[in-house]
């Protein structure tokens, strides 16, 4: 990181923590030069970077001032905090949306993955070449569950850096996080069981529930606070729940992160009913700020939290490598994996272990988080500028998703189909619930580079939304 970026990051954290508040004048350029020992050009570059990101505003002849905080849009919970569904039938719709969005000529605002150009593809390719040259013909010890020992140790070390004692023996390497999540669900449930999910929920959770012939009770979820824990307590009283599946950090599709106090209360509620938690934490490394959030797994004293992660959203989408720190279910998950996919790709596991040993991952993550934050803010400001004023936009710190809410009479599925004809994908709200309660909402991917193409896509979406509003 350059010196001006370090200074900008330091000032940004001071604004986050309230050292400098909205409307405060920052120290002058010359005063900051004197205090920091940096050059005038370095300090000016830092202030200009903060201005481009929306953190400060310059006033001619007056200096730089802290910009108004992003307006917190109040989230509209569904009328019913609990939405039970004895049958989940959503896979066909999700399949059609994902297949239609697989067109490289489309502006992929509906994608669940970050811009792949942000990943260190050359370094990963070199790691793959190195391990391919060294790999023996017999790689049974790598491919069979629980997976590559070096990779599991590297993951355990990352847990340890956050103050969590997770043994490599508890970690099972999987073919992406979705396999880890599906195996976890399978280990905890039988067909016909009830499972708690979020509302709106990651569509992969709904697909897994449909696949395993389970019943879902969706609990209202907030972009700032996470799952409504009072509603969860009600669900645990009313239904014979066997498992709870949620995203604790950078939730998909809302983007929010559950506060630590809520994570602890969540675990207490589940422990009271002897229910295990499947913690989907694939976006956990894409947090905002300097301090990484602690997953709910950090407060797990009974081995009931199955913490699932992945490198697909942070490092290598195509490698399809994930894992689950499975607690008391580790052996059961290995047995299930052996009966299903048998193993995870040996070259990909070895290549990731090789890359992680170079200690470049944290530097990459730092750059990735900073870039995603900048791009998301640019998209947010563009939407505020271009979209009709009646559209609500929910901005949660971290990750790269924006959740948008149209007026209730509008249909996001119709908007999705019209946008697709114009070469733009969005993720309509129908993907994220077993019912129709989010038919007027959609999710946008704000990780794409801001250029003429993405700007044109936002303007085109704004025009399509305006047309829907006019039809009322």
Protein backbone atom coordinates (compact mmCIF):
# COMPACT_ATOMS: atom_id res chain seq x y z
CA UNK A 1 0.00 0.00 0.00
CA UNK A 2 1.31 3.45 -0.89
CA UNK A 3 1.82 6.13 1.75
CA UNK A 4 -1.12 8.23 0.57
CA UNK A 5 -3.36 5.13 0.72
CA UNK A 6 -2.16 4.43 4.26
CA UNK A 7 -3.02 7.99 5.29
CA UNK A 8 -6.41 7.78 3.59
CA UNK A 9 -7.15 4.52 5.38
CA UNK A 10 -6.16 6.02 8.73
CA UNK A 11 -8.46 9.03 8.21
CA UNK A 12 -11.26 6.77 6.96
CA UNK A 13 -11.09 4.71 10.16
CA UNK A 14 -11.14 7.88 12.24
CA UNK A 15 -14.32 8.95 10.45
CA UNK A 16 -15.86 5.49 10.95
CA UNK A 17 -15.15 5.56 14.69
CA UNK A 18 -16.40 9.11 15.20
CA UNK A 19 -13.10 10.92 15.73
CA UNK A 20 -14.20 13.14 12.86
CA UNK A 21 -17.95 13.58 12.42
CA UNK A 22 -20.21 14.88 9.71
CA UNK A 23 -19.41 18.50 8.92
CA UNK A 24 -16.10 18.54 10.81
CA UNK A 25 -13.22 20.24 9.07
CA UNK A 26 -10.21 17.96 8.66
CA UNK A 27 -6.74 19.31 9.48
CA UNK A 28 -5.39 21.45 6.65
CA UNK A 29 -3.00 19.97 4.13
CA UNK A 30 -0.05 21.83 5.61
CA UNK A 31 -0.97 20.85 9.17
CA UNK A 32 -1.20 17.20 8.16
CA UNK A 33 2.16 17.49 6.39
CA UNK A 34 3.69 18.84 9.59
CA UNK A 35 2.13 16.16 11.80
CA UNK A 36 2.74 13.19 9.55
CA UNK A 37 6.10 14.05 8.02
CA UNK A 38 4.66 13.20 4.58
CA UNK A 39 5.03 15.34 1.49
CA UNK A 40 2.34 17.82 0.45
CA UNK A 41 1.65 15.78 -2.70
CA UNK A 42 1.16 12.61 -0.62
CA UNK A 43 -1.30 14.31 1.74
CA UNK A 44 -3.18 15.92 -1.15
CA UNK A 45 -3.47 12.54 -2.89
CA UNK A 46 -4.90 11.01 0.30
CA UNK A 47 -7.53 13.73 0.66
CA UNK A 48 -8.45 13.48 -3.01
CA UNK A 49 -8.84 9.71 -2.68
CA UNK A 50 -11.19 10.18 0.28
CA UNK A 51 -13.16 12.72 -1.72
CA UNK A 52 -13.51 10.33 -4.68
CA UNK A 53 -14.82 7.68 -2.28
CA UNK A 54 -17.41 10.04 -0.81
CA UNK A 55 -15.88 10.32 2.68
CA UNK A 56 -14.99 14.02 2.49
CA UNK A 57 -15.93 17.08 0.49
CA UNK A 58 -13.70 19.97 -0.50
CA UNK A 59 -14.80 23.59 -0.26
CA UNK A 60 -12.89 26.20 -2.26
CA UNK A 61 -10.66 28.33 -0.05
CA UNK A 62 -11.91 26.46 3.05
CA UNK A 63 -10.41 22.96 3.02
CA UNK A 64 -11.81 19.44 3.40
CA UNK A 65 -14.88 18.49 5.48
CA UNK A 66 -16.37 15.16 6.50
CA UNK A 67 -19.20 14.37 4.08
CA UNK A 68 -22.71 13.52 5.34
CA UNK A 69 -23.06 9.88 6.28
CA UNK A 70 -24.96 7.67 3.87
CA UNK A 71 -28.62 7.98 4.70
CA UNK A 72 -29.75 4.84 6.51
CA UNK A 73 -32.78 3.60 4.63
CA UNK A 74 -35.23 1.98 7.01
CA UNK A 75 -35.76 -1.62 6.00
CA UNK A 76 -39.30 -2.77 5.24
CA UNK A 77 -39.83 -6.11 6.96
CA UNK A 78 -42.44 -8.46 5.49
CA UNK A 79 -45.78 -8.24 7.26
CA UNK A 80 -45.23 -11.73 8.66
CA UNK A 81 -41.88 -12.17 10.52
CA UNK A 82 -42.19 -15.93 9.98
CA UNK A 83 -42.89 -17.45 6.58
CA UNK A 84 -43.27 -21.23 6.78
CA UNK A 85 -43.20 -23.34 3.62
CA UNK A 86 -43.87 -27.06 3.76
CA UNK A 87 -42.83 -27.33 0.13
CA UNK A 88 -40.03 -25.35 -1.53
CA UNK A 89 -40.21 -25.31 -5.33
CA UNK A 90 -37.81 -22.70 -6.63
CA UNK A 91 -34.97 -24.47 -8.41
CA UNK A 92 -36.50 -24.26 -11.89
CA UNK A 93 -36.81 -20.47 -11.68
CA UNK A 94 -33.29 -20.06 -10.25
CA UNK A 95 -31.89 -22.34 -12.96
CA UNK A 96 -33.51 -20.26 -15.70
CA UNK A 97 -32.16 -17.00 -14.24
CA UNK A 98 -28.62 -18.33 -13.80
CA UNK A 99 -28.56 -19.87 -17.28
CA UNK A 100 -29.84 -16.69 -18.91
CA UNK A 101 -27.21 -14.67 -17.06
CA UNK A 102 -24.39 -16.87 -18.34
CA UNK A 103 -24.00 -14.69 -21.43
CA UNK A 104 -20.57 -12.95 -21.49
CA UNK A 105 -22.04 -10.13 -23.56
CA UNK A 106 -24.38 -9.09 -20.72
CA UNK A 107 -23.51 -6.53 -18.07
CA UNK A 108 -23.53 -8.96 -15.13
CA UNK A 109 -25.23 -6.88 -12.45
CA UNK A 110 -27.06 -10.05 -11.38
CA UNK A 111 -23.95 -12.16 -10.78
CA UNK A 112 -23.21 -13.53 -7.31
CA UNK A 113 -19.45 -13.44 -7.95
CA UNK A 114 -17.08 -10.47 -7.79
CA UNK A 115 -15.37 -9.17 -10.89
CA UNK A 116 -12.87 -11.99 -11.71
CA UNK A 117 -10.24 -9.49 -12.88
CA UNK A 118 -9.75 -8.60 -9.19
CA UNK A 119 -8.22 -12.03 -8.46
CA UNK A 120 -4.46 -12.84 -8.65
CA UNK A 121 -4.90 -15.16 -11.60
CA UNK A 122 -1.25 -15.18 -12.70
CA UNK A 123 0.01 -16.13 -9.23
CA UNK A 124 -2.57 -18.90 -8.96
CA UNK A 125 -1.67 -20.19 -12.41
CA UNK A 126 1.99 -20.35 -11.43
CA UNK A 127 1.08 -22.21 -8.24
CA UNK A 128 -0.96 -24.70 -10.27
CA UNK A 129 1.93 -25.26 -12.66
CA UNK A 130 4.35 -25.83 -9.76
CA UNK A 131 2.20 -28.45 -8.06
CA UNK A 132 1.38 -30.16 -11.36
CA UNK A 133 5.11 -30.71 -11.94
CA UNK A 134 5.62 -32.08 -8.44
CA UNK A 135 2.41 -34.10 -8.06
CA UNK A 136 2.85 -37.85 -7.84
CA UNK A 137 0.59 -40.26 -9.66
CA UNK A 138 -0.80 -41.52 -6.35
CA UNK A 139 -2.61 -38.60 -4.70
CA UNK A 140 -5.13 -40.65 -2.75
CA UNK A 141 -4.08 -39.05 0.54
CA UNK A 142 -4.92 -35.63 -0.89
CA UNK A 143 -8.18 -36.45 -2.65
CA UNK A 144 -9.96 -38.56 -0.04
CA UNK A 145 -11.84 -36.76 2.74
CA UNK A 146 -11.01 -34.70 4.72
CA UNK A 147 -8.66 -33.37 2.01
CA UNK A 148 -5.17 -31.89 1.67
CA UNK A 149 -3.45 -31.70 5.06
CA UNK A 150 -1.41 -28.60 4.15
CA UNK A 151 -4.51 -26.74 3.01
CA UNK A 152 -6.42 -27.68 6.16
CA UNK A 153 -3.50 -26.48 8.30
CA UNK A 154 -3.44 -23.15 6.43
CA UNK A 155 -7.15 -22.68 7.06
CA UNK A 156 -6.71 -23.61 10.74
CA UNK A 157 -3.96 -21.00 10.98
CA UNK A 158 -6.31 -18.35 9.61
CA UNK A 159 -8.82 -19.28 12.30
CA UNK A 160 -6.04 -19.04 14.89
CA UNK A 161 -5.19 -15.51 13.70
CA UNK A 162 -8.74 -14.55 14.77
CA UNK A 163 -8.34 -16.16 18.17
CA UNK A 164 -10.19 -19.38 17.31
CA UNK A 165 -8.82 -22.81 18.10
CA UNK A 166 -9.99 -24.98 15.20
CA UNK A 167 -8.12 -28.23 14.68
CA UNK A 168 -7.20 -29.18 11.09
CA UNK A 169 -8.88 -32.52 11.87
CA UNK A 170 -12.21 -30.68 12.21
CA UNK A 171 -11.89 -29.15 8.72
CA UNK A 172 -13.22 -30.95 5.64
CA UNK A 173 -12.24 -29.64 2.19
CA UNK A 174 -15.15 -29.56 -0.27
CA UNK A 175 -15.91 -28.70 -3.88
CA UNK A 176 -16.89 -25.13 -3.12
CA UNK A 177 -18.89 -23.82 -0.19
CA UNK A 178 -22.16 -25.08 -1.64
CA UNK A 179 -21.03 -28.69 -1.19
CA UNK A 180 -19.94 -27.88 2.38
CA UNK A 181 -23.37 -26.38 3.08
CA UNK A 182 -25.29 -29.22 1.46
CA UNK A 183 -23.28 -31.88 3.31
CA UNK A 184 -23.82 -30.01 6.57
CA UNK A 185 -27.56 -29.88 5.97
CA UNK A 186 -27.63 -33.56 5.06
CA UNK A 187 -25.72 -34.50 8.22
CA UNK A 188 -28.22 -32.67 10.45
CA UNK A 189 -31.58 -33.48 8.87
CA UNK A 190 -33.86 -36.13 7.39
CA UNK A 191 -36.46 -35.57 4.65
CA UNK A 192 -39.50 -33.80 6.09
CA UNK A 193 -37.57 -31.92 8.81
CA UNK A 194 -37.94 -28.17 9.41
CA UNK A 195 -34.99 -25.84 8.77
CA UNK A 196 -34.74 -22.15 9.71
CA UNK A 197 -33.46 -19.85 6.95
CA UNK A 198 -33.28 -16.09 6.52
CA UNK A 199 -35.87 -13.97 4.75
CA UNK A 200 -34.71 -13.02 2.19
CA UNK A 201 -32.38 -16.04 1.94
CA UNK A 202 -29.44 -17.02 -0.23
CA UNK A 203 -31.08 -18.99 -3.02
CA UNK A 204 -28.62 -21.88 -2.57
CA UNK A 205 -30.17 -22.54 0.83
CA UNK A 206 -33.62 -22.78 -0.74
CA UNK A 207 -32.32 -25.08 -3.47
CA UNK A 208 -30.71 -27.35 -0.86
CA UNK A 209 -33.95 -27.51 1.12
CA UNK A 210 -35.85 -28.43 -2.05
CA UNK A 211 -33.25 -31.04 -3.01
CA UNK A 212 -33.34 -32.75 0.39
CA UNK A 213 -37.16 -32.61 0.65
CA UNK A 214 -37.12 -30.43 3.76
CA UNK A 215 -39.51 -27.79 5.09
CA UNK A 216 -38.44 -24.18 5.55
CA UNK A 217 -39.43 -21.54 8.06
CA UNK A 218 -38.01 -18.21 6.87
CA UNK A 219 -37.29 -15.61 9.56
CA UNK A 220 -37.27 -11.89 8.77
CA UNK A 221 -33.74 -10.54 8.35
CA UNK A 222 -32.47 -6.95 8.54
CA UNK A 223 -29.51 -5.45 6.59
CA UNK A 224 -28.03 -4.01 9.80
CA UNK A 225 -28.99 -6.44 12.59
CA UNK A 226 -29.32 -9.76 10.79
CA UNK A 227 -32.00 -12.30 11.61
CA UNK A 228 -34.87 -11.12 13.83
CA UNK A 229 -34.01 -13.10 16.97
CA UNK A 230 -37.40 -12.54 18.61
CA UNK A 231 -39.00 -14.08 15.55
CA UNK A 232 -36.45 -16.89 15.65
CA UNK A 233 -37.39 -17.64 19.26
CA UNK A 234 -41.01 -17.84 18.16
CA UNK A 235 -40.11 -20.21 15.30
CA UNK A 236 -38.21 -22.52 17.65
CA UNK A 237 -41.27 -22.69 19.89
CA UNK A 238 -43.72 -23.36 17.06
CA UNK A 239 -41.81 -25.76 14.81
CA UNK A 240 -39.67 -28.88 15.44
CA UNK A 241 -36.61 -27.27 13.85
CA UNK A 242 -33.57 -29.48 13.23
CA UNK A 243 -31.09 -26.93 11.86
CA UNK A 244 -30.60 -23.20 11.25
CA UNK A 245 -28.82 -21.90 8.13
CA UNK A 246 -27.74 -18.26 7.93
CA UNK A 247 -25.05 -15.86 6.74
CA UNK A 248 -23.49 -13.97 9.63
CA UNK A 249 -21.38 -11.61 7.48
CA UNK A 250 -22.19 -9.67 4.29
CA UNK A 251 -25.46 -11.54 3.91
CA UNK A 252 -26.60 -12.42 0.42
CA UNK A 253 -28.74 -10.66 -0.82
CA UNK A 254 -29.05 -7.83 1.76
CA UNK A 255 -25.31 -7.40 2.36
CA UNK A 256 -25.51 -6.84 6.12
CA UNK A 257 -23.45 -8.24 9.00
CA UNK A 258 -24.91 -9.50 12.29
CA UNK A 259 -23.55 -7.68 15.38
CA UNK A 260 -21.51 -9.79 17.82
CA UNK A 261 -24.12 -9.48 20.59
CA UNK A 262 -26.73 -10.89 18.23
CA UNK A 263 -24.47 -13.80 17.29
CA UNK A 264 -24.10 -14.71 20.94
CA UNK A 265 -27.85 -14.49 21.57
CA UNK A 266 -28.45 -16.58 18.45
CA UNK A 267 -26.22 -19.36 19.77
CA UNK A 268 -27.90 -19.24 23.17
CA UNK A 269 -31.34 -19.64 21.56
CA UNK A 270 -30.19 -22.56 19.43
CA UNK A 271 -28.40 -24.24 22.36
CA UNK A 272 -31.58 -24.00 24.43
CA UNK A 273 -33.31 -26.17 21.81
CA UNK A 274 -30.22 -28.29 20.99
CA UNK A 275 -30.19 -27.10 17.38
CA UNK A 276 -27.06 -26.85 15.25
CA UNK A 277 -26.12 -23.80 13.19
CA UNK A 278 -24.90 -23.96 9.60
CA UNK A 279 -22.95 -20.70 9.32
CA UNK A 280 -22.51 -19.73 5.69
CA UNK A 281 -19.53 -17.37 5.79
CA UNK A 282 -18.34 -17.23 2.19
CA UNK A 283 -18.22 -13.41 2.28
CA UNK A 284 -16.57 -13.17 5.71
CA UNK A 285 -13.25 -11.94 4.32
CA UNK A 286 -14.94 -9.06 2.46
CA UNK A 287 -15.67 -7.02 5.57
CA UNK A 288 -15.43 -3.24 5.81
CA UNK A 289 -12.87 -1.51 8.01
CA UNK A 290 -9.64 -2.80 9.52
CA UNK A 291 -10.92 -5.35 12.03
CA UNK A 292 -12.18 -8.72 10.76
CA UNK A 293 -15.52 -9.77 12.26
CA UNK A 294 -15.65 -12.90 14.41
CA UNK A 295 -18.02 -15.57 13.15
CA UNK A 296 -20.62 -17.14 15.43
CA UNK A 297 -18.30 -20.16 15.48
CA UNK A 298 -15.99 -18.13 17.75
CA UNK A 299 -18.52 -18.47 20.60
CA UNK A 300 -19.31 -22.15 19.95
CA UNK A 301 -18.44 -24.22 23.03
CA UNK A 302 -20.41 -27.35 22.11
CA UNK A 303 -19.23 -28.06 18.57
CA UNK A 304 -22.71 -27.31 17.22
CA UNK A 305 -21.67 -24.66 14.67
CA UNK A 306 -20.71 -25.90 11.22
CA UNK A 307 -18.73 -22.99 9.80
CA UNK A 308 -18.58 -23.06 5.99
CA UNK A 309 -16.16 -20.97 3.94
CA UNK A 310 -14.81 -20.73 0.43
CA UNK A 311 -12.08 -19.21 -1.73
CA UNK A 312 -14.53 -18.69 -4.62
CA UNK A 313 -15.57 -15.16 -3.63
CA UNK A 314 -12.13 -13.94 -2.60
CA UNK A 315 -9.45 -15.71 -4.60
CA UNK A 316 -10.32 -18.27 -7.26
CA UNK A 317 -13.87 -18.69 -8.53
CA UNK A 318 -12.99 -21.48 -10.94
CA UNK A 319 -11.04 -23.57 -8.42
CA UNK A 320 -14.27 -24.47 -6.58
CA UNK A 321 -12.57 -25.06 -3.22
CA UNK A 322 -14.48 -24.62 0.02
CA UNK A 323 -14.47 -26.14 3.48
CA UNK A 324 -16.48 -26.74 6.60
CA UNK A 325 -15.16 -26.56 10.16
CA UNK A 326 -17.68 -29.15 11.23
CA UNK A 327 -17.23 -29.60 14.98
CA UNK A 328 -18.84 -32.82 16.18
CA UNK A 329 -20.16 -33.53 12.66
CA UNK A 330 -16.73 -33.74 10.96
CA UNK A 331 -16.67 -37.52 10.57
CA UNK A 332 -20.30 -37.69 9.45
CA UNK A 333 -19.61 -35.13 6.72
CA UNK A 334 -16.55 -37.04 5.53
CA UNK A 335 -18.67 -40.18 5.20
CA UNK A 336 -21.34 -38.32 3.26
CA UNK A 337 -18.76 -36.75 0.96
CA UNK A 338 -17.22 -40.15 0.28
CA UNK A 339 -20.64 -41.41 -0.84
CA UNK A 340 -21.40 -38.40 -3.06
CA UNK A 341 -18.56 -36.55 -4.78
CA UNK A 342 -15.88 -38.85 -3.31
CA UNK A 343 -13.25 -36.11 -3.25
CA UNK A 344 -12.22 -32.58 -4.16
CA UNK A 345 -9.80 -31.81 -7.00
CA UNK A 346 -6.25 -32.65 -5.84
CA UNK A 347 -4.43 -30.14 -8.14
CA UNK A 348 -6.68 -27.28 -7.00
CA UNK A 349 -6.21 -28.12 -3.32
CA UNK A 350 -2.43 -28.36 -3.70
CA UNK A 351 -2.26 -25.14 -5.73
CA UNK A 352 -4.19 -23.21 -3.08
CA UNK A 353 -2.00 -24.65 -0.31
CA UNK A 354 1.06 -23.53 -2.31
CA UNK A 355 -0.35 -20.03 -2.80
CA UNK A 356 -1.32 -19.62 0.86
CA UNK A 357 2.18 -20.63 1.94
CA UNK A 358 3.55 -17.58 0.09
CA UNK A 359 1.69 -15.28 2.55
CA UNK A 360 0.36 -13.15 -0.31
CA UNK A 361 -3.29 -13.80 0.47
CA UNK A 362 -3.73 -11.09 3.11
CA UNK A 363 -2.16 -8.45 0.89
CA UNK A 364 -4.51 -9.49 -1.92
CA UNK A 365 -7.52 -9.38 0.42
CA UNK A 366 -6.61 -5.90 1.59
CA UNK A 367 -6.52 -4.62 -1.99
CA UNK A 368 -9.70 -6.52 -2.87
CA UNK A 369 -11.67 -5.09 0.06
CA UNK A 370 -10.55 -1.55 -0.73
CA UNK A 371 -11.46 -1.87 -4.42
CA UNK A 372 -14.87 -3.38 -3.67
CA UNK A 373 -15.64 -0.59 -1.21
CA UNK A 374 -14.74 2.07 -3.78
CA UNK A 375 -16.76 0.46 -6.57
CA UNK A 376 -19.79 -0.16 -4.38
CA UNK A 377 -19.86 3.47 -3.31
CA UNK A 378 -19.66 4.63 -6.94
CA UNK A 379 -22.58 2.38 -7.92
CA UNK A 380 -24.57 3.54 -4.91
CA UNK A 381 -24.11 7.21 -5.77
CA UNK A 382 -24.98 6.53 -9.43
CA UNK A 383 -28.20 4.75 -8.43
CA UNK A 384 -29.14 7.62 -6.15
CA UNK A 385 -28.51 10.00 -9.03
CA UNK A 386 -30.23 8.09 -11.84
CA UNK A 387 -33.04 6.02 -10.32
CA UNK A 388 -36.49 7.42 -9.49
CA UNK A 389 -36.73 8.82 -5.97
CA UNK A 390 -39.31 6.20 -4.94
CA UNK A 391 -36.71 3.40 -5.18
CA UNK A 392 -35.19 2.34 -1.85
CA UNK A 393 -31.53 1.31 -1.86
CA UNK A 394 -30.05 -0.59 1.10
CA UNK A 395 -26.34 -0.03 1.58
CA UNK A 396 -24.62 -2.28 4.13
CA UNK A 397 -20.88 -2.01 4.78
CA UNK A 398 -18.75 -4.77 3.27
CA UNK A 399 -19.10 -7.14 0.33
CA UNK A 400 -20.42 -5.89 -3.02
CA UNK A 401 -24.21 -6.26 -3.01
CA UNK A 402 -26.90 -3.59 -3.10
CA UNK A 403 -30.52 -4.53 -2.36
CA UNK A 404 -33.17 -2.41 -4.03
CA UNK A 405 -36.87 -2.17 -3.33
CA UNK A 406 -39.38 -0.96 -5.91
CA UNK A 407 -42.85 0.28 -4.95
CA UNK A 408 -45.08 -2.70 -4.06
CA UNK A 409 -47.06 -2.62 -7.34
CA UNK A 410 -43.90 -3.11 -9.42
CA UNK A 411 -42.55 -6.51 -10.46
CA UNK A 412 -38.77 -7.10 -10.36
CA UNK A 413 -39.15 -10.32 -12.39
CA UNK A 414 -40.67 -8.31 -15.20
CA UNK A 415 -37.85 -5.77 -14.84
CA UNK A 416 -35.32 -8.65 -14.96
CA UNK A 417 -36.78 -9.95 -18.24
CA UNK A 418 -36.82 -6.53 -19.87
CA UNK A 419 -33.29 -5.78 -18.66
CA UNK A 420 -32.09 -9.12 -20.03
CA UNK A 421 -33.35 -8.19 -23.48
CA UNK A 422 -31.26 -5.02 -23.15
CA UNK A 423 -28.14 -7.04 -22.27
CA UNK A 424 -28.24 -6.46 -18.50
CA UNK A 425 -28.72 -9.03 -15.74
CA UNK A 426 -30.15 -8.43 -12.29
CA UNK A 427 -31.10 -10.89 -9.54
CA UNK A 428 -34.89 -10.60 -9.03
CA UNK A 429 -36.23 -10.92 -5.49
CA UNK A 430 -38.20 -14.05 -6.34
CA UNK A 431 -34.88 -15.94 -6.21
CA UNK A 432 -34.53 -15.30 -2.49
CA UNK A 433 -37.78 -16.63 -1.02
CA UNK A 434 -40.12 -19.58 -1.35
CA UNK A 435 -43.05 -17.16 -1.80
CA UNK A 436 -43.73 -13.88 -3.58
CA UNK A 437 -42.95 -11.45 -0.75
CA UNK A 438 -39.90 -9.98 -2.54
CA UNK A 439 -41.38 -9.81 -6.04
CA UNK A 440 -40.78 -6.01 -6.01
CA UNK A 441 -37.10 -6.26 -4.93
CA UNK A 442 -33.83 -7.12 -6.66
CA UNK A 443 -30.11 -7.44 -5.94
CA UNK A 444 -27.29 -5.71 -7.82
CA UNK A 445 -23.63 -6.67 -8.02
CA UNK A 446 -21.54 -3.51 -7.50
CA UNK A 447 -18.11 -5.11 -7.97
CA UNK A 448 -17.87 -4.33 -11.68
CA UNK A 449 -15.54 -1.57 -12.88
CA UNK A 450 -17.28 1.76 -13.32
CA UNK A 451 -16.95 2.60 -16.98
CA UNK A 452 -19.11 3.69 -19.91
CA UNK A 453 -20.68 0.23 -20.14
CA UNK A 454 -21.73 -0.02 -16.50
CA UNK A 455 -22.89 3.60 -16.46
CA UNK A 456 -25.06 2.94 -19.51
CA UNK A 457 -26.49 -0.16 -17.81
CA UNK A 458 -27.51 1.82 -14.71
CA UNK A 459 -29.15 4.48 -16.88
CA UNK A 460 -30.98 1.79 -18.87
CA UNK A 461 -32.25 0.17 -15.67
CA UNK A 462 -33.43 3.56 -14.44
CA UNK A 463 -35.39 4.06 -17.67
CA UNK A 464 -36.98 0.60 -17.43
CA UNK A 465 -38.00 1.24 -13.82
CA UNK A 466 -39.49 4.61 -14.78
CA UNK A 467 -41.57 2.85 -17.45
CA UNK A 468 -42.95 0.42 -14.85
CA UNK A 469 -43.79 3.24 -12.47
CA UNK A 470 -45.68 5.03 -15.23
CA UNK A 471 -47.92 2.02 -15.89
CA UNK A 472 -49.73 2.25 -12.56
